Structures are given as C-alpha cells and as structure tokens.
PDB file of N, CA and C in Angstrom:
ATOM      1  N   MET A   1       0.426  -1.207  -0.269  1.00  0.00           N
ATOM      2  CA  MET A   1      -0.142  -0.310  -0.116  1.00  0.00           C
ATOM      3  C   MET A   1       0.767   1.110  -0.243  1.00  0.00           C
ATOM      4  N   SER A   2       1.894   1.025   0.653  1.00  0.00           N
ATOM      5  CA  SER A   2       2.965   2.546   0.644  1.00  0.00           C
ATOM      6  C   SER A   2       3.555   2.596  -0.522  1.00  0.00           C
ATOM      7  N   VAL A   3       3.631   1.376  -1.336  1.00  0.00           N
ATOM      8  CA  VAL A   3       4.963   1.561  -3.012  1.00  0.00           C
ATOM      9  C   VAL A   3       3.557   2.405  -3.446  1.00  0.00           C
ATOM     10  N   THR A   4       2.122   1.895  -3.522  1.00  0.00           N
ATOM     11  CA  THR A   4       1.682   2.330  -4.436  1.00  0.00           C
ATOM     12  C   THR A   4       1.228   3.954  -4.129  1.00  0.00           C
ATOM     13  N   PHE A   5       0.935   4.001  -2.654  1.00  0.00           N
ATOM     14  CA  PHE A   5       1.034   6.043  -1.895  1.00  0.00           C
ATOM     15  C   PHE A   5       2.381   6.256  -2.927  1.00  0.00           C
ATOM     16  N   LEU A   6       3.232   6.230  -2.406  1.00  0.00           N
ATOM     17  CA  LEU A   6       4.296   6.657  -3.037  1.00  0.00           C
ATOM     18  C   LEU A   6       4.656   7.013  -5.252  1.00  0.00           C
ATOM     19  N   ALA A   7       3.976   5.806  -5.476  1.00  0.00           N
ATOM     20  CA  ALA A   7       3.870   5.890  -6.711  1.00  0.00           C
ATOM     21  C   ALA A   7       3.016   7.044  -7.531  1.00  0.00           C
ATOM     22  N   ILE A   8       1.279   6.945  -6.726  1.00  0.00           N
ATOM     23  CA  ILE A   8       0.584   8.346  -6.821  1.00  0.00           C
ATOM     24  C   ILE A   8       1.334   9.292  -6.597  1.00  0.00           C
ATOM     25  N   LEU A   9       2.132   9.642  -5.700  1.00  0.00           N
ATOM     26  CA  LEU A   9       2.526  10.949  -5.121  1.00  0.00           C
ATOM     27  C   LEU A   9       3.652  11.453  -6.066  1.00  0.00           C
ATOM     28  N   LEU A  10       4.363  10.495  -6.558  1.00  0.00           N
ATOM     29  CA  LEU A  10       5.630  11.060  -7.981  1.00  0.00           C
ATOM     30  C   LEU A  10       5.178  11.049  -8.599  1.00  0.00           C
ATOM     31  N   THR A  11       4.069  10.545  -9.094  1.00  0.00           N
ATOM     32  CA  THR A  11       3.330  11.026 -10.592  1.00  0.00           C
ATOM     33  C   THR A  11       2.631  11.977 -10.934  1.00  0.00           C
ATOM     34  N   GLN A  12       1.695  12.429  -9.433  1.00  0.00           N
ATOM     35  CA  GLN A  12       1.336  13.501  -9.586  1.00  0.00           C
ATOM     36  C   GLN A  12       1.679  14.934  -8.739  1.00  0.00           C
ATOM     37  N   LEU A  13       2.777  14.809  -8.518  1.00  0.00           N
ATOM     38  CA  LEU A  13       3.351  16.139  -7.772  1.00  0.00           C
ATOM     39  C   LEU A  13       3.812  16.992  -8.633  1.00  0.00           C
ATOM     40  N   ASP A  14       4.349  16.991  -9.392  1.00  0.00           N
ATOM     41  CA  ASP A  14       4.211  18.267 -10.306  1.00  0.00           C
ATOM     42  C   ASP A  14       3.342  18.827 -10.788  1.00  0.00           C
ATOM     43  N   LYS A  15       1.957  18.404 -10.531  1.00  0.00           N
ATOM     44  CA  LYS A  15       0.109  18.762 -10.540  1.00  0.00           C
ATOM     45  C   LYS A  15       0.143  19.230  -9.345  1.00  0.00           C
ATOM     46  N   VAL A  16       0.707  19.326  -8.715  1.00  0.00           N
ATOM     47  CA  VAL A  16       0.276  19.710  -7.032  1.00  0.00           C
ATOM     48  C   VAL A  16       1.212  20.618  -6.908  1.00  0.00           C
ATOM     49  N   LEU A  17       2.326  20.471  -7.383  1.00  0.00           N
ATOM     50  CA  LEU A  17       3.087  22.051  -7.050  1.00  0.00           C
ATOM     51  C   LEU A  17       2.580  23.043  -8.306  1.00  0.00           C
ATOM     52  N   LEU A  18       2.707  22.308  -9.728  1.00  0.00           N
ATOM     53  CA  LEU A  18       2.392  23.687 -10.383  1.00  0.00           C
ATOM     54  C   LEU A  18       1.422  24.574 -10.632  1.00  0.00           C
ATOM     55  N   SER A  19      -0.225  23.341  -9.694  1.00  0.00           N
ATOM     56  CA  SER A  19      -1.338  23.831  -9.923  1.00  0.00           C
ATOM     57  C   SER A  19      -1.552  25.473  -8.755  1.00  0.00           C
ATOM     58  N   ARG A  20      -0.293  25.286  -7.780  1.00  0.00           N
ATOM     59  CA  ARG A  20      -0.051  26.765  -6.868  1.00  0.00           C
ATOM     60  C   ARG A  20       0.908  27.443  -7.720  1.00  0.00           C
ATOM     61  N   LEU A  21       1.464  27.346  -8.190  1.00  0.00           N
ATOM     62  CA  LEU A  21       2.736  28.257  -9.332  1.00  0.00           C
ATOM     63  C   LEU A  21       1.795  28.908 -10.452  1.00  0.00           C
ATOM     64  N   LEU A  22       1.301  28.287 -10.818  1.00  0.00           N
ATOM     65  CA  LEU A  22       1.117  28.633 -12.208  1.00  0.00           C
ATOM     66  C   LEU A  22      -0.692  29.438 -12.273  1.00  0.00           C
ATOM     67  N   SER A  23      -0.961  30.204 -13.214  1.00  0.00           N
ATOM     68  CA  SER A  23      -1.857  30.601 -13.857  1.00  0.00           C
ATOM     69  C   SER A  23      -2.792  29.645 -14.524  1.00  0.00           C
ATOM     70  N   LEU A  24      -3.949  29.236 -14.087  1.00  0.00           N
ATOM     71  CA  LEU A  24      -5.449  28.362 -14.395  1.00  0.00           C
ATOM     72  C   LEU A  24      -4.837  27.892 -16.038  1.00  0.00           C
ATOM     73  N   GLU A  25      -4.554  29.074 -16.528  1.00  0.00           N
ATOM     74  CA  GLU A  25      -4.710  28.643 -17.817  1.00  0.00           C
ATOM     75  C   GLU A  25      -3.660  28.108 -18.268  1.00  0.00           C
ATOM     76  N   SER A  26      -1.967  28.492 -17.743  1.00  0.00           N
ATOM     77  CA  SER A  26      -0.966  27.897 -17.993  1.00  0.00           C
ATOM     78  C   SER A  26      -0.771  26.389 -17.885  1.00  0.00           C
ATOM     79  N   PHE A  27      -1.640  25.810 -16.340  1.00  0.00           N
ATOM     80  CA  PHE A  27      -1.609  24.910 -15.973  1.00  0.00           C
ATOM     81  C   PHE A  27      -2.374  23.978 -16.597  1.00  0.00           C
ATOM     82  N   GLY A  28      -3.610  24.689 -17.646  1.00  0.00           N
ATOM     83  CA  GLY A  28      -4.785  23.609 -18.151  1.00  0.00           C
ATOM     84  C   GLY A  28      -3.457  23.509 -19.728  1.00  0.00           C
ATOM     85  N   TYR A  29      -3.335  23.831 -19.891  1.00  0.00           N
ATOM     86  CA  TYR A  29      -1.880  23.896 -20.942  1.00  0.00           C
ATOM     87  C   TYR A  29      -0.966  21.937 -20.575  1.00  0.00           C
ATOM     88  N   TYR A  30      -0.460  22.638 -19.368  1.00  0.00           N
ATOM     89  CA  TYR A  30       0.517  21.439 -18.792  1.00  0.00           C
ATOM     90  C   TYR A  30      -0.577  20.448 -19.137  1.00  0.00           C
ATOM     91  N   THR A  31      -1.177  20.646 -18.281  1.00  0.00           N
ATOM     92  CA  THR A  31      -2.134  18.884 -18.175  1.00  0.00           C
ATOM     93  C   THR A  31      -2.444  18.870 -19.643  1.00  0.00           C
ATOM     94  N   LEU A  32      -2.793  19.528 -20.483  1.00  0.00           N
ATOM     95  CA  LEU A  32      -3.443  18.719 -21.523  1.00  0.00           C
ATOM     96  C   LEU A  32      -2.024  18.188 -22.486  1.00  0.00           C
ATOM     97  N   ALA A  33      -1.053  19.130 -22.522  1.00  0.00           N
ATOM     98  CA  ALA A  33       0.531  18.369 -22.893  1.00  0.00           C
ATOM     99  C   ALA A  33       0.671  16.893 -22.149  1.00  0.00           C
ATOM    100  N   ALA A  34       0.706  17.077 -21.137  1.00  0.00           N
ATOM    101  CA  ALA A  34       0.636  15.776 -20.210  1.00  0.00           C
ATOM    102  C   ALA A  34      -0.143  14.288 -20.329  1.00  0.00           C
ATOM    103  N   THR A  35      -1.544  14.983 -20.642  1.00  0.00           N
ATOM    104  CA  THR A  35      -2.249  13.790 -21.078  1.00  0.00           C
ATOM    105  C   THR A  35      -2.022  13.563 -22.998  1.00  0.00           C
ATOM    106  N   VAL A  36      -1.684  13.927 -23.375  1.00  0.00           N
ATOM    107  CA  VAL A  36      -1.107  13.648 -24.508  1.00  0.00           C
ATOM    108  C   VAL A  36      -0.325  12.976 -24.789  1.00  0.00           C
ATOM    109  N   ALA A  37       1.031  13.161 -23.978  1.00  0.00           N
ATOM    110  CA  ALA A  37       2.170  12.533 -24.056  1.00  0.00           C
ATOM    111  C   ALA A  37       1.656  11.427 -22.849  1.00  0.00           C
ATOM    112  N   GLY A  38       0.982  11.430 -22.274  1.00  0.00           N
ATOM    113  CA  GLY A  38       0.619  10.285 -21.824  1.00  0.00           C
ATOM    114  C   GLY A  38      -0.086   8.835 -22.988  1.00  0.00           C
ATOM    115  N   VAL A  39      -0.826   9.747 -23.738  1.00  0.00           N
ATOM    116  CA  VAL A  39      -1.485   8.498 -24.184  1.00  0.00           C
ATOM    117  C   VAL A  39      -0.826   8.384 -25.467  1.00  0.00           C
ATOM    118  N   LEU A  40       0.243   8.834 -25.938  1.00  0.00           N
ATOM    119  CA  LEU A  40       1.779   8.190 -26.805  1.00  0.00           C
ATOM    120  C   LEU A  40       2.524   7.695 -26.367  1.00  0.00           C
ATOM    121  N   TYR A  41       2.457   7.469 -25.294  1.00  0.00           N
ATOM    122  CA  TYR A  41       3.811   6.528 -24.376  1.00  0.00           C
ATOM    123  C   TYR A  41       2.454   5.028 -24.240  1.00  0.00           C
ATOM    124  N   MET A  42       1.551   5.263 -24.071  1.00  0.00           N
ATOM    125  CA  MET A  42       0.392   4.540 -24.414  1.00  0.00           C
ATOM    126  C   MET A  42       0.752   3.807 -25.399  1.00  0.00           C
ATOM    127  N   VAL A  43       0.225   4.069 -26.633  1.00  0.00           N
ATOM    128  CA  VAL A  43      -0.043   3.772 -27.544  1.00  0.00           C
ATOM    129  C   VAL A  43       1.295   2.593 -28.265  1.00  0.00           C
ATOM    130  N   ILE A  44       2.567   4.131 -28.092  1.00  0.00           N
ATOM    131  CA  ILE A  44       3.986   3.459 -28.854  1.00  0.00           C
ATOM    132  C   ILE A  44       5.031   2.685 -27.897  1.00  0.00           C
ATOM    133  N   GLY A  45       4.580   2.505 -26.297  1.00  0.00           N
ATOM    134  CA  GLY A  45       5.118   1.645 -25.810  1.00  0.00           C
ATOM    135  C   GLY A  45       4.948   0.018 -26.273  1.00  0.00           C
ATOM    136  N   PRO A  46       4.022  -0.439 -26.246  1.00  0.00           N
ATOM    137  CA  PRO A  46       3.540  -1.828 -26.706  1.00  0.00           C
ATOM    138  C   PRO A  46       4.382  -2.072 -27.734  1.00  0.00           C
ATOM    139  N   ILE A  47       4.175  -1.145 -28.893  1.00  0.00           N
ATOM    140  CA  ILE A  47       4.944  -1.257 -30.639  1.00  0.00           C
ATOM    141  C   ILE A  47       6.850  -1.742 -30.104  1.00  0.00           C
ATOM    142  N   THR A  48       6.667  -0.993 -29.165  1.00  0.00           N
ATOM    143  CA  THR A  48       8.830  -0.659 -28.637  1.00  0.00           C
ATOM    144  C   THR A  48       8.534  -2.018 -28.967  1.00  0.00           C
ATOM    145  N   SER A  49       8.401  -2.704 -27.078  1.00  0.00           N
ATOM    146  CA  SER A  49       8.498  -3.538 -26.722  1.00  0.00           C
ATOM    147  C   SER A  49       7.871  -4.875 -27.598  1.00  0.00           C
ATOM    148  N   ALA A  50       7.731  -4.844 -28.742  1.00  0.00           N
ATOM    149  CA  ALA A  50       7.079  -6.094 -29.779  1.00  0.00           C
ATOM    150  C   ALA A  50       8.237  -6.329 -30.664  1.00  0.00           C
ATOM    151  N   PHE A  51       8.703  -4.651 -30.733  1.00  0.00           N
ATOM    152  CA  PHE A  51      10.181  -4.676 -32.278  1.00  0.00           C
ATOM    153  C   PHE A  51      11.058  -5.080 -31.597  1.00  0.00           C
ATOM    154  N   TYR A  52      11.407  -4.518 -30.154  1.00  0.00           N
ATOM    155  CA  TYR A  52      13.008  -4.064 -29.477  1.00  0.00           C
ATOM    156  C   TYR A  52      13.808  -5.899 -29.525  1.00  0.00           C
ATOM    157  N   PRO A  53      12.944  -6.550 -28.783  1.00  0.00           N
ATOM    158  CA  PRO A  53      14.026  -7.905 -28.662  1.00  0.00           C
ATOM    159  C   PRO A  53      14.362  -8.394 -31.056  1.00  0.00           C
ATOM    160  N   ARG A  54      13.159  -8.444 -31.409  1.00  0.00           N
ATOM    161  CA  ARG A  54      13.870  -8.446 -32.776  1.00  0.00           C
ATOM    162  C   ARG A  54      14.853  -7.426 -33.265  1.00  0.00           C
ATOM    163  N   LEU A  55      14.922  -6.658 -33.000  1.00  0.00           N
ATOM    164  CA  LEU A  55      15.884  -5.001 -33.163  1.00  0.00           C
ATOM    165  C   LEU A  55      17.204  -5.917 -32.722  1.00  0.00           C
ATOM    166  N   VAL A  56      17.329  -5.603 -31.304  1.00  0.00           N
ATOM    167  CA  VAL A  56      18.429  -6.064 -30.589  1.00  0.00           C
ATOM    168  C   VAL A  56      19.184  -7.475 -31.645  1.00  0.00           C
ATOM    169  N   GLU A  57      18.451  -8.328 -31.686  1.00  0.00           N
ATOM    170  CA  GLU A  57      18.878  -9.379 -32.568  1.00  0.00           C
ATOM    171  C   GLU A  57      19.702  -9.575 -33.554  1.00  0.00           C
ATOM    172  N   LEU A  58      18.713  -8.351 -34.494  1.00  0.00           N
ATOM    173  CA  LEU A  58      19.279  -7.932 -35.417  1.00  0.00           C
ATOM    174  C   LEU A  58      20.582  -7.418 -35.501  1.00  0.00           C
ATOM    175  N   SER A  59      20.329  -6.774 -34.882  1.00  0.00           N
ATOM    176  CA  SER A  59      22.285  -5.522 -34.207  1.00  0.00           C
ATOM    177  C   SER A  59      23.581  -6.492 -33.781  1.00  0.00           C
ATOM    178  N   THR A  60      22.431  -6.988 -33.113  1.00  0.00           N
ATOM    179  CA  THR A  60      24.244  -8.070 -32.922  1.00  0.00           C
ATOM    180  C   THR A  60      24.786  -9.116 -33.621  1.00  0.00           C
ATOM    181  N   GLN A  61      24.279  -9.006 -34.335  1.00  0.00           N
ATOM    182  CA  GLN A  61      23.833 -10.518 -35.242  1.00  0.00           C
ATOM    183  C   GLN A  61      25.306 -10.022 -36.301  1.00  0.00           C
ATOM    184  N   GLU A  62      26.387 -10.873 -36.437  1.00  0.00           N
ATOM    185  CA  GLU A  62      27.479 -10.614 -37.217  1.00  0.00           C
ATOM    186  C   GLU A  62      27.793 -10.372 -38.469  1.00  0.00           C
ATOM    187  N   ASN A  63      26.566 -10.723 -39.051  1.00  0.00           N
ATOM    188  CA  ASN A  63      26.618 -10.121 -40.839  1.00  0.00           C
ATOM    189  C   ASN A  63      25.636  -9.631 -40.831  1.00  0.00           C
ATOM    190  N   ARG A  64      26.070  -8.118 -41.239  1.00  0.00           N
ATOM    191  CA  ARG A  64      25.134  -7.083 -40.924  1.00  0.00           C
ATOM    192  C   ARG A  64      24.625  -7.045 -42.188  1.00  0.00           C
ATOM    193  N   VAL A  65      25.431  -7.000 -42.991  1.00  0.00           N
ATOM    194  CA  VAL A  65      24.590  -6.925 -44.156  1.00  0.00           C
ATOM    195  C   VAL A  65      22.981  -7.486 -44.555  1.00  0.00           C
ATOM    196  N   GLN A  66      22.660  -8.617 -44.302  1.00  0.00           N
ATOM    197  CA  GLN A  66      21.597  -8.929 -44.215  1.00  0.00           C
ATOM    198  C   GLN A  66      20.535  -8.386 -44.069  1.00  0.00           C
ATOM    199  N   SER A  67      20.978  -7.549 -42.329  1.00  0.00           N
ATOM    200  CA  SER A  67      20.313  -6.530 -41.808  1.00  0.00           C
ATOM    201  C   SER A  67      19.649  -6.042 -42.365  1.00  0.00           C
ATOM    202  N   PRO A  68      17.957  -5.907 -42.388  1.00  0.00           N
ATOM    203  CA  PRO A  68      17.028  -5.047 -42.978  1.00  0.00           C
ATOM    204  C   PRO A  68      18.088  -3.285 -42.920  1.00  0.00           C
ATOM    205  N   PRO A  69      17.337  -2.620 -43.880  1.00  0.00           N
ATOM    206  CA  PRO A  69      17.827  -1.035 -44.069  1.00  0.00           C
ATOM    207  C   PRO A  69      17.839  -0.229 -42.596  1.00  0.00           C
ATOM    208  N   TYR A  70      16.036  -0.028 -42.177  1.00  0.00           N
ATOM    209  CA  TYR A  70      15.971   0.074 -40.920  1.00  0.00           C
ATOM    210  C   TYR A  70      16.953  -0.108 -39.926  1.00  0.00           C
ATOM    211  N   ILE A  71      17.710  -1.027 -39.553  1.00  0.00           N
ATOM    212  CA  ILE A  71      18.279  -2.041 -39.007  1.00  0.00           C
ATOM    213  C   ILE A  71      19.509  -0.670 -38.863  1.00  0.00           C
ATOM    214  N   THR A  72      20.287  -0.708 -39.985  1.00  0.00           N
ATOM    215  CA  THR A  72      20.929  -0.145 -39.895  1.00  0.00           C
ATOM    216  C   THR A  72      20.811   1.930 -39.493  1.00  0.00           C
ATOM    217  N   LYS A  73      19.671   2.002 -39.776  1.00  0.00           N
ATOM    218  CA  LYS A  73      19.321   3.510 -39.923  1.00  0.00           C
ATOM    219  C   LYS A  73      19.446   3.529 -38.584  1.00  0.00           C
ATOM    220  N   VAL A  74      18.485   2.800 -37.285  1.00  0.00           N
ATOM    221  CA  VAL A  74      18.523   2.845 -35.797  1.00  0.00           C
ATOM    222  C   VAL A  74      19.766   2.727 -35.141  1.00  0.00           C
ATOM    223  N   HIS A  75      20.881   1.656 -35.801  1.00  0.00           N
ATOM    224  CA  HIS A  75      22.042   1.332 -34.989  1.00  0.00           C
ATOM    225  C   HIS A  75      22.626   2.562 -35.090  1.00  0.00           C
ATOM    226  N   SER A  76      22.877   3.212 -36.295  1.00  0.00           N
ATOM    227  CA  SER A  76      23.706   4.235 -36.768  1.00  0.00           C
ATOM    228  C   SER A  76      23.682   6.277 -35.782  1.00  0.00           C
ATOM    229  N   TRP A  77      21.952   5.650 -35.295  1.00  0.00           N
ATOM    230  CA  TRP A  77      21.910   6.781 -34.574  1.00  0.00           C
ATOM    231  C   TRP A  77      22.796   6.668 -33.223  1.00  0.00           C
TER     232      TRP A  77
END
C-alpha cells in the first residue's frame, strides 16, 4: 500500500506544485500536454516492446549485411 501511495505521489507531484505556481490557463495547457504525452506513450510503448527483441537480435548479428535497412538506420544513431 505504501508503494502505491508513493507511486501516485511521485506521478502527481508536478501537477500539485504547478497548480499552485501557474495561472489556471497555463496549468490547463500543461495538463493537456501531459495527457497527450501519456496517450502517445500508451500507444507507442507496446509497439516498441514488440519490436525491441527483434531489433536487438538483428543488430547483434555478425553479418550486418543481411540486416534490413531500417536496422542500419537505427543502429547508426
């Protein structure tokens, strides 16, 4: 129970502090941006989790010539 409380506190602390420091309009924009970022993370997170093992496997192969072009681009970053 204390872990859950701590997790909620840490994820909401920014909103509590900023609600006291910013104007209502600015805080609304911040909340909107945080919500959009959270939704994007919920969409992109599972996709990344699905592709990551294969990307690691392909990037660690000895013969990188056979790797698809997108692996080479990702690896060169």
